[in-house]
C-alpha atoms as a PDB file:
ATOM      1  CA  UNK A   1      -9.536 -19.056  16.885  1.00  0.00           C
ATOM      2  CA  UNK A   2      -9.494 -16.860  13.764  1.00  0.00           C
ATOM      3  CA  UNK A   3     -10.932 -13.336  13.910  1.00  0.00           C
ATOM      4  CA  UNK A   4     -11.996 -11.064  11.042  1.00  0.00           C
ATOM      5  CA  UNK A   5     -11.969  -7.287  11.421  1.00  0.00           C
ATOM      6  CA  UNK A   6     -13.485  -4.584   9.242  1.00  0.00           C
ATOM      7  CA  UNK A   7     -11.940  -1.123   9.119  1.00  0.00           C
ATOM      8  CA  UNK A   8     -13.454   1.756   7.175  1.00  0.00           C
ATOM      9  CA  UNK A   9     -11.320   4.707   6.161  1.00  0.00           C
ATOM     10  CA  UNK A  10     -10.490   7.038   9.071  1.00  0.00           C
ATOM     11  CA  UNK A  11     -12.315   4.751  11.524  1.00  0.00           C
ATOM     12  CA  UNK A  12     -11.204   2.289  14.158  1.00  0.00           C
ATOM     13  CA  UNK A  13     -11.355  -1.412  13.219  1.00  0.00           C
ATOM     14  CA  UNK A  14     -14.314  -3.413  14.501  1.00  0.00           C
ATOM     15  CA  UNK A  15     -14.554  -7.170  14.815  1.00  0.00           C
ATOM     16  CA  UNK A  16     -16.868  -8.656  12.234  1.00  0.00           C
ATOM     17  CA  UNK A  17     -16.817 -12.293  13.354  1.00  0.00           C
ATOM     18  CA  UNK A  18     -14.644 -15.090  14.705  1.00  0.00           C
ATOM     19  CA  UNK A  19     -14.488 -18.804  13.970  1.00  0.00           C
ATOM     20  CA  UNK A  20     -13.648 -21.433  16.579  1.00  0.00           C
ATOM     21  CA  UNK A  21     -13.806 -25.231  16.178  1.00  0.00           C
ATOM     22  CA  UNK A  22     -15.758 -24.855  12.953  1.00  0.00           C
ATOM     23  CA  UNK A  23     -18.388 -22.560  14.464  1.00  0.00           C
ATOM     24  CA  UNK A  24     -18.742 -19.011  13.124  1.00  0.00           C
ATOM     25  CA  UNK A  25     -19.958 -16.296  15.505  1.00  0.00           C
ATOM     26  CA  UNK A  26     -21.126 -13.029  13.905  1.00  0.00           C
ATOM     27  CA  UNK A  27     -20.932  -9.858  15.953  1.00  0.00           C
ATOM     28  CA  UNK A  28     -24.097  -7.843  16.608  1.00  0.00           C
ATOM     29  CA  UNK A  29     -24.929  -5.350  13.893  1.00  0.00           C
ATOM     30  CA  UNK A  30     -23.877  -7.552  10.982  1.00  0.00           C
ATOM     31  CA  UNK A  31     -26.166  -9.734   8.866  1.00  0.00           C
ATOM     32  CA  UNK A  32     -25.146 -13.310   9.525  1.00  0.00           C
ATOM     33  CA  UNK A  33     -26.449 -14.685   6.205  1.00  0.00           C
ATOM     34  CA  UNK A  34     -24.089 -12.459   4.167  1.00  0.00           C
ATOM     35  CA  UNK A  35     -20.807 -13.811   5.548  1.00  0.00           C
ATOM     36  CA  UNK A  36     -19.267 -17.214   4.960  1.00  0.00           C
ATOM     37  CA  UNK A  37     -15.964 -18.463   6.339  1.00  0.00           C
ATOM     38  CA  UNK A  38     -13.940 -21.427   5.070  1.00  0.00           C
ATOM     39  CA  UNK A  39     -11.019 -22.551   7.170  1.00  0.00           C
ATOM     40  CA  UNK A  40      -8.348 -25.129   6.329  1.00  0.00           C
ATOM     41  CA  UNK A  41      -5.920 -26.102   9.094  1.00  0.00           C
ATOM     42  CA  UNK A  42      -3.847 -28.164   6.663  1.00  0.00           C
ATOM     43  CA  UNK A  43      -3.326 -25.297   4.208  1.00  0.00           C
ATOM     44  CA  UNK A  44      -3.222 -22.757   7.056  1.00  0.00           C
ATOM     45  CA  UNK A  45      -5.691 -20.451   5.405  1.00  0.00           C
ATOM     46  CA  UNK A  46      -9.023 -18.874   6.242  1.00  0.00           C
ATOM     47  CA  UNK A  47     -11.229 -17.382   3.517  1.00  0.00           C
ATOM     48  CA  UNK A  48     -13.948 -14.800   4.154  1.00  0.00           C
ATOM     49  CA  UNK A  49     -16.683 -14.461   1.533  1.00  0.00           C
ATOM     50  CA  UNK A  50     -19.148 -11.553   1.504  1.00  0.00           C
ATOM     51  CA  UNK A  51     -22.375 -12.101  -0.415  1.00  0.00           C
ATOM     52  CA  UNK A  52     -24.463  -9.410  -2.135  1.00  0.00           C
ATOM     53  CA  UNK A  53     -21.810  -6.706  -1.725  1.00  0.00           C
ATOM     54  CA  UNK A  54     -23.111  -3.191  -1.040  1.00  0.00           C
ATOM     55  CA  UNK A  55     -21.290   0.206  -0.871  1.00  0.00           C
ATOM     56  CA  UNK A  56     -21.197   0.007   2.938  1.00  0.00           C
ATOM     57  CA  UNK A  57     -18.942  -3.060   2.624  1.00  0.00           C
ATOM     58  CA  UNK A  58     -16.110  -0.891   1.243  1.00  0.00           C
ATOM     59  CA  UNK A  59     -13.325  -1.226   3.829  1.00  0.00           C
ATOM     60  CA  UNK A  60     -10.078  -3.032   4.622  1.00  0.00           C
ATOM     61  CA  UNK A  61     -10.522  -6.513   6.097  1.00  0.00           C
ATOM     62  CA  UNK A  62      -7.995  -8.094   8.447  1.00  0.00           C
ATOM     63  CA  UNK A  63      -7.715 -11.618   9.783  1.00  0.00           C
ATOM     64  CA  UNK A  64      -6.127 -12.094  13.203  1.00  0.00           C
ATOM     65  CA  UNK A  65      -5.365 -14.706  15.828  1.00  0.00           C
ATOM     66  CA  UNK A  66      -3.991 -14.880  19.352  1.00  0.00           C
ATOM     67  CA  UNK A  67      -0.349 -15.999  19.318  1.00  0.00           C
ATOM     68  CA  UNK A  68       1.078 -17.470  22.542  1.00  0.00           C
ATOM     69  CA  UNK A  69       4.605 -17.526  21.096  1.00  0.00           C
ATOM     70  CA  UNK A  70       6.734 -14.736  22.527  1.00  0.00           C
ATOM     71  CA  UNK A  71      10.127 -14.372  24.188  1.00  0.00           C
ATOM     72  CA  UNK A  72      11.001 -16.656  27.098  1.00  0.00           C
ATOM     73  CA  UNK A  73      11.024 -13.691  29.498  1.00  0.00           C
ATOM     74  CA  UNK A  74       7.530 -12.616  28.449  1.00  0.00           C
ATOM     75  CA  UNK A  75       6.302 -16.212  28.668  1.00  0.00           C
ATOM     76  CA  UNK A  76       7.648 -16.585  32.192  1.00  0.00           C
ATOM     77  CA  UNK A  77       6.160 -13.247  33.209  1.00  0.00           C
ATOM     78  CA  UNK A  78       2.680 -13.746  31.794  1.00  0.00           C
ATOM     79  CA  UNK A  79       2.148 -17.531  31.908  1.00  0.00           C
ATOM     80  CA  UNK A  80       0.033 -17.258  35.043  1.00  0.00           C
ATOM     81  CA  UNK A  81      -2.369 -14.659  33.621  1.00  0.00           C
ATOM     82  CA  UNK A  82      -2.459 -16.262  30.152  1.00  0.00           C
ATOM     83  CA  UNK A  83      -0.783 -13.519  28.114  1.00  0.00           C
ATOM     84  CA  UNK A  84      -1.159 -13.705  24.325  1.00  0.00           C
ATOM     85  CA  UNK A  85      -0.220 -11.436  21.455  1.00  0.00           C
ATOM     86  CA  UNK A  86      -2.811 -10.801  18.730  1.00  0.00           C
ATOM     87  CA  UNK A  87      -1.271 -11.012  15.268  1.00  0.00           C
ATOM     88  CA  UNK A  88      -2.971  -9.279  12.310  1.00  0.00           C
ATOM     89  CA  UNK A  89      -2.622  -9.972   8.620  1.00  0.00           C
ATOM     90  CA  UNK A  90      -1.615  -7.279   6.130  1.00  0.00           C
ATOM     91  CA  UNK A  91      -5.248  -6.636   5.196  1.00  0.00           C
ATOM     92  CA  UNK A  92      -7.308  -6.768   2.003  1.00  0.00           C
ATOM     93  CA  UNK A  93      -8.886  -3.574   0.700  1.00  0.00           C
ATOM     94  CA  UNK A  94     -12.361  -3.953  -0.766  1.00  0.00           C
ATOM     95  CA  UNK A  95     -13.545  -1.235  -3.148  1.00  0.00           C
ATOM     96  CA  UNK A  96     -17.203  -1.134  -4.139  1.00  0.00           C
ATOM     97  CA  UNK A  97     -17.793   0.878  -7.300  1.00  0.00           C
ATOM     98  CA  UNK A  98     -19.941   0.887 -10.409  1.00  0.00           C
ATOM     99  CA  UNK A  99     -16.815   1.621 -12.453  1.00  0.00           C
ATOM    100  CA  UNK A 100     -15.296  -1.491 -14.008  1.00  0.00           C
ATOM    101  CA  UNK A 101     -11.697  -2.392 -13.250  1.00  0.00           C
ATOM    102  CA  UNK A 102      -9.034  -1.853 -15.896  1.00  0.00           C
ATOM    103  CA  UNK A 103      -5.356  -2.942 -16.111  1.00  0.00           C
ATOM    104  CA  UNK A 104      -2.507  -0.443 -16.504  1.00  0.00           C
ATOM    105  CA  UNK A 105      -2.613   1.262 -19.893  1.00  0.00           C
ATOM    106  CA  UNK A 106       1.170   1.670 -19.967  1.00  0.00           C
ATOM    107  CA  UNK A 107       4.231   0.777 -17.922  1.00  0.00           C
ATOM    108  CA  UNK A 108       7.946   1.327 -18.324  1.00  0.00           C
ATOM    109  CA  UNK A 109      11.231   1.524 -16.478  1.00  0.00           C
ATOM    110  CA  UNK A 110      13.188   4.774 -16.630  1.00  0.00           C
ATOM    111  CA  UNK A 111      16.823   4.916 -15.606  1.00  0.00           C
ATOM    112  CA  UNK A 112      19.554   7.370 -14.724  1.00  0.00           C
ATOM    113  CA  UNK A 113      23.172   6.962 -13.694  1.00  0.00           C
ATOM    114  CA  UNK A 114      24.498   9.417 -11.122  1.00  0.00           C
ATOM    115  CA  UNK A 115      28.110   9.163  -9.940  1.00  0.00           C
ATOM    116  CA  UNK A 116      28.500   5.629  -8.573  1.00  0.00           C
ATOM    117  CA  UNK A 117      24.805   4.699  -8.536  1.00  0.00           C
ATOM    118  CA  UNK A 118      22.048   3.784 -10.975  1.00  0.00           C
ATOM    119  CA  UNK A 119      18.447   4.660 -10.262  1.00  0.00           C
ATOM    120  CA  UNK A 120      15.598   2.785 -11.922  1.00  0.00           C
ATOM    121  CA  UNK A 121      12.116   4.299 -11.885  1.00  0.00           C
ATOM    122  CA  UNK A 122       9.192   1.965 -12.560  1.00  0.00           C
ATOM    123  CA  UNK A 123       6.249   3.999 -13.829  1.00  0.00           C
ATOM    124  CA  UNK A 124       2.839   2.287 -14.063  1.00  0.00           C
ATOM    125  CA  UNK A 125       0.017   4.390 -15.439  1.00  0.00           C
ATOM    126  CA  UNK A 126      -3.765   4.559 -15.802  1.00  0.00           C
ATOM    127  CA  UNK A 127      -5.246   1.603 -13.899  1.00  0.00           C
ATOM    128  CA  UNK A 128      -8.331   1.117 -11.724  1.00  0.00           C
ATOM    129  CA  UNK A 129      -8.928   0.456  -8.897  1.00  0.00           C
ATOM    130  CA  UNK A 130      -5.910   1.960  -7.120  1.00  0.00           C
ATOM    131  CA  UNK A 131      -4.930  -1.231  -5.287  1.00  0.00           C
ATOM    132  CA  UNK A 132      -1.674  -2.546  -6.786  1.00  0.00           C
ATOM    133  CA  UNK A 133       1.439  -4.329  -5.484  1.00  0.00           C
ATOM    134  CA  UNK A 134       4.839  -3.357  -6.900  1.00  0.00           C
ATOM    135  CA  UNK A 135       8.072  -5.275  -6.157  1.00  0.00           C
ATOM    136  CA  UNK A 136      11.611  -5.394  -7.529  1.00  0.00           C
ATOM    137  CA  UNK A 137      13.470  -8.635  -8.240  1.00  0.00           C
ATOM    138  CA  UNK A 138      16.992  -9.632  -9.176  1.00  0.00           C
ATOM    139  CA  UNK A 139      17.044 -12.961 -11.031  1.00  0.00           C
ATOM    140  CA  UNK A 140      13.653 -13.918  -9.550  1.00  0.00           C
ATOM    141  CA  UNK A 141      14.793 -13.020  -6.016  1.00  0.00           C
ATOM    142  CA  UNK A 142      12.954 -10.095  -4.427  1.00  0.00           C
ATOM    143  CA  UNK A 143      15.079  -7.037  -3.674  1.00  0.00           C
ATOM    144  CA  UNK A 144      14.148  -5.732  -0.193  1.00  0.00           C
ATOM    145  CA  UNK A 145      16.475  -2.734   0.194  1.00  0.00           C
ATOM    146  CA  UNK A 146      17.068   0.673  -1.425  1.00  0.00           C
ATOM    147  CA  UNK A 147      13.498   0.908  -2.684  1.00  0.00           C
ATOM    148  CA  UNK A 148      11.132   3.861  -2.450  1.00  0.00           C
ATOM    149  CA  UNK A 149       7.490   3.292  -3.307  1.00  0.00           C
ATOM    150  CA  UNK A 150       5.316   6.311  -3.961  1.00  0.00           C
ATOM    151  CA  UNK A 151       1.614   6.530  -3.219  1.00  0.00           C
ATOM    152  CA  UNK A 152      -0.864   6.088  -6.023  1.00  0.00           C
ATOM    153  CA  UNK A 153      -2.231   9.320  -7.472  1.00  0.00           C
ATOM    154  CA  UNK A 154      -5.230  10.041  -9.662  1.00  0.00           C
ATOM    155  CA  UNK A 155      -3.757  10.721 -13.074  1.00  0.00           C
ATOM    156  CA  UNK A 156      -6.859  11.212 -15.245  1.00  0.00           C
ATOM    157  CA  UNK A 157     -10.266  12.816 -14.961  1.00  0.00           C
ATOM    158  CA  UNK A 158     -11.804   9.381 -15.522  1.00  0.00           C
ATOM    159  CA  UNK A 159     -10.580   8.322 -12.083  1.00  0.00           C
ATOM    160  CA  UNK A 160      -7.638   6.214 -13.245  1.00  0.00           C
ATOM    161  CA  UNK A 161      -4.530   5.953 -11.087  1.00  0.00           C
ATOM    162  CA  UNK A 162      -0.763   5.800 -11.545  1.00  0.00           C
ATOM    163  CA  UNK A 163       2.151   4.829  -9.320  1.00  0.00           C
ATOM    164  CA  UNK A 164       5.948   5.004  -9.349  1.00  0.00           C
ATOM    165  CA  UNK A 165       8.608   2.991  -7.531  1.00  0.00           C
ATOM    166  CA  UNK A 166      12.353   3.718  -7.321  1.00  0.00           C
ATOM    167  CA  UNK A 167      15.243   1.254  -7.036  1.00  0.00           C
ATOM    168  CA  UNK A 168      18.822   2.469  -6.439  1.00  0.00           C
ATOM    169  CA  UNK A 169      21.743   0.088  -7.025  1.00  0.00           C
ATOM    170  CA  UNK A 170      25.554   0.460  -7.096  1.00  0.00           C
ATOM    171  CA  UNK A 171      27.007   1.241 -10.511  1.00  0.00           C
ATOM    172  CA  UNK A 172      29.007  -2.009 -10.439  1.00  0.00           C
ATOM    173  CA  UNK A 173      25.682  -3.885 -10.634  1.00  0.00           C
ATOM    174  CA  UNK A 174      24.919  -2.421 -14.059  1.00  0.00           C
ATOM    175  CA  UNK A 175      25.131  -5.862 -15.710  1.00  0.00           C
ATOM    176  CA  UNK A 176      22.594  -7.422 -13.353  1.00  0.00           C
ATOM    177  CA  UNK A 177      19.062  -7.929 -14.606  1.00  0.00           C
ATOM    178  CA  UNK A 178      16.480  -6.168 -12.478  1.00  0.00           C
ATOM    179  CA  UNK A 179      12.741  -6.502 -12.928  1.00  0.00           C
ATOM    180  CA  UNK A 180       9.825  -4.398 -11.765  1.00  0.00           C
ATOM    181  CA  UNK A 181       6.834  -6.615 -11.047  1.00  0.00           C
ATOM    182  CA  UNK A 182       3.304  -5.458 -10.443  1.00  0.00           C
ATOM    183  CA  UNK A 183       0.165  -7.306  -9.437  1.00  0.00           C
ATOM    184  CA  UNK A 184      -3.212  -5.774 -10.202  1.00  0.00           C
ATOM    185  CA  UNK A 185      -6.534  -7.591 -10.058  1.00  0.00           C
ATOM    186  CA  UNK A 186      -6.748  -7.341 -13.851  1.00  0.00           C
ATOM    187  CA  UNK A 187      -3.141  -8.081 -14.749  1.00  0.00           C
ATOM    188  CA  UNK A 188       0.275  -9.260 -13.585  1.00  0.00           C
ATOM    189  CA  UNK A 189       3.445  -8.276 -15.392  1.00  0.00           C
ATOM    190  CA  UNK A 190       7.232  -8.172 -15.053  1.00  0.00           C
ATOM    191  CA  UNK A 191       9.213  -5.357 -16.686  1.00  0.00           C
ATOM    192  CA  UNK A 192      12.934  -5.871 -17.345  1.00  0.00           C
ATOM    193  CA  UNK A 193      15.275  -2.972 -16.663  1.00  0.00           C
ATOM    194  CA  UNK A 194      17.560  -2.181 -19.575  1.00  0.00           C
ATOM    195  CA  UNK A 195      21.286  -2.512 -19.031  1.00  0.00           C
ATOM    196  CA  UNK A 196      22.738   0.962 -18.595  1.00  0.00           C
ATOM    197  CA  UNK A 197      25.251   1.947 -21.259  1.00  0.00           C
ATOM    198  CA  UNK A 198      27.389   5.038 -21.881  1.00  0.00           C
ATOM    199  CA  UNK A 199      29.013   3.967 -25.155  1.00  0.00           C
ATOM    200  CA  UNK A 200      27.390   6.509 -27.430  1.00  0.00           C
ATOM    201  CA  UNK A 201      26.110  10.037 -27.036  1.00  0.00           C
ATOM    202  CA  UNK A 202      22.597   9.288 -28.412  1.00  0.00           C
ATOM    203  CA  UNK A 203      22.036   6.656 -25.722  1.00  0.00           C
ATOM    204  CA  UNK A 204      23.071   9.119 -23.036  1.00  0.00           C
ATOM    205  CA  UNK A 205      20.645  11.668 -24.417  1.00  0.00           C
ATOM    206  CA  UNK A 206      17.830   9.095 -24.556  1.00  0.00           C
ATOM    207  CA  UNK A 207      18.490   8.151 -20.953  1.00  0.00           C
ATOM    208  CA  UNK A 208      18.368  11.795 -19.914  1.00  0.00           C
ATOM    209  CA  UNK A 209      15.125  12.385 -21.805  1.00  0.00           C
ATOM    210  CA  UNK A 210      13.497   9.281 -20.353  1.00  0.00           C
ATOM    211  CA  UNK A 211      14.652  10.095 -16.843  1.00  0.00           C
ATOM    212  CA  UNK A 212      13.156  13.564 -17.061  1.00  0.00           C
ATOM    213  CA  UNK A 213       9.722  11.923 -17.253  1.00  0.00           C
ATOM    214  CA  UNK A 214      10.476  10.011 -14.060  1.00  0.00           C
ATOM    215  CA  UNK A 215      11.763  13.203 -12.470  1.00  0.00           C
ATOM    216  CA  UNK A 216       8.509  14.923 -13.426  1.00  0.00           C
ATOM    217  CA  UNK A 217       6.683  12.083 -11.665  1.00  0.00           C
ATOM    218  CA  UNK A 218       8.832  12.618  -8.559  1.00  0.00           C
ATOM    219  CA  UNK A 219       8.213  16.378  -8.632  1.00  0.00           C
ATOM    220  CA  UNK A 220       4.484  15.751  -9.030  1.00  0.00           C
ATOM    221  CA  UNK A 221       4.357  13.494  -5.967  1.00  0.00           C
ATOM    222  CA  UNK A 222       6.516  15.922  -3.967  1.00  0.00           C
ATOM    223  CA  UNK A 223       4.172  18.733  -4.973  1.00  0.00           C
ATOM    224  CA  UNK A 224       1.204  16.704  -3.685  1.00  0.00           C
ATOM    225  CA  UNK A 225       2.939  16.215  -0.327  1.00  0.00           C
ATOM    226  CA  UNK A 226       3.714  19.938  -0.111  1.00  0.00           C
ATOM    227  CA  UNK A 227       0.042  20.764  -0.734  1.00  0.00           C
ATOM    228  CA  UNK A 228      -1.004  18.372   2.045  1.00  0.00           C
ATOM    229  CA  UNK A 229       1.572  19.887   4.416  1.00  0.00           C
ATOM    230  CA  UNK A 230       0.426  23.426   3.580  1.00  0.00           C
ATOM    231  CA  UNK A 231      -3.192  22.416   4.197  1.00  0.00           C
ATOM    232  CA  UNK A 232      -2.373  20.939   7.623  1.00  0.00           C
ATOM    233  CA  UNK A 233      -0.336  24.025   8.516  1.00  0.00           C
ATOM    234  CA  UNK A 234      -3.289  26.217   7.535  1.00  0.00           C
ATOM    235  CA  UNK A 235      -5.620  24.196   9.798  1.00  0.00           C
ATOM    236  CA  UNK A 236      -3.166  24.475  12.721  1.00  0.00           C
ATOM    237  CA  UNK A 237      -2.823  28.241  12.297  1.00  0.00           C
ATOM    238  CA  UNK A 238      -6.603  28.585  12.025  1.00  0.00           C
ATOM    239  CA  UNK A 239      -7.093  26.661  15.278  1.00  0.00           C
ATOM    240  CA  UNK A 240      -4.452  28.747  17.042  1.00  0.00           C
ATOM    241  CA  UNK A 241      -6.121  31.916  15.799  1.00  0.00           C
ATOM    242  CA  UNK A 242      -9.495  30.695  17.064  1.00  0.00           C
ATOM    243  CA  UNK A 243      -8.048  29.846  20.479  1.00  0.00           C
ATOM    244  CA  UNK A 244      -6.424  33.280  20.647  1.00  0.00           C
ATOM    245  CA  UNK A 245      -9.739  34.933  19.763  1.00  0.00           C
ATOM    246  CA  UNK A 246     -11.620  32.974  22.439  1.00  0.00           C
ATOM    247  CA  UNK A 247      -8.944  33.777  25.033  1.00  0.00           C
ATOM    248  CA  UNK A 248      -9.101  37.531  24.290  1.00  0.00           C
ATOM    249  CA  UNK A 249     -12.900  37.420  24.326  1.00  0.00           C
ATOM    250  CA  UNK A 250     -12.909  35.670  27.714  1.00  0.00           C
ATOM    251  CA  UNK A 251     -10.416  38.162  29.238  1.00  0.00           C
ATOM    252  CA  UNK A 252     -12.360  41.098  27.830  1.00  0.00           C
ATOM    253  CA  UNK A 253     -15.593  39.864  29.397  1.00  0.00           C
END
């Protein structure tokens, strides 16, 4: 049985439908004629299609299924009551907007050597919508560790977005070829990282200048986080002040 869930921003997920033995059951509150599900057991995939998309459809959609495979201890403990674990997919974000999508206007890799490490900063700018996947590879093999991915931020008044991702590697890996790959609905690309060199002074200066742009990006993101933290702190202090006022008022009365 495959389930599909719909989750709007800041709301709990709700089940949209489920498909069992080729039959699709739509939950109450959803228009059955707008949803179509194609399932292939051979390819192990299930595709949800939404017809006549409207703004209310904007959400993240998750597929899920009940998985009976767990540890032997859990199996032995819950076999009698039929215990299962529901497994969710990573989700697909649907954005409904009158604004047309556009690929990144520019992208580059900035780099900086510090002591015994090299940091690469992949900067991807001015794309829409904000959904984008960024990965690092080493000779076509994905690099899973020592990566920091920043959140997308709105970089222009036109509603375009940018993102940055950092990869830190040991200095002895300076001759390895690293690539920053991104996948956007309008474009896929792979950016090669330049081999770090300290042979001439001009190259060192260029590296420093280029890295400063990446550092500005890091400062910008950090500044955004500080603003969010300050806002939350303000709300907490305001609530505490309100509670104090109500307590004094109650005692006074």
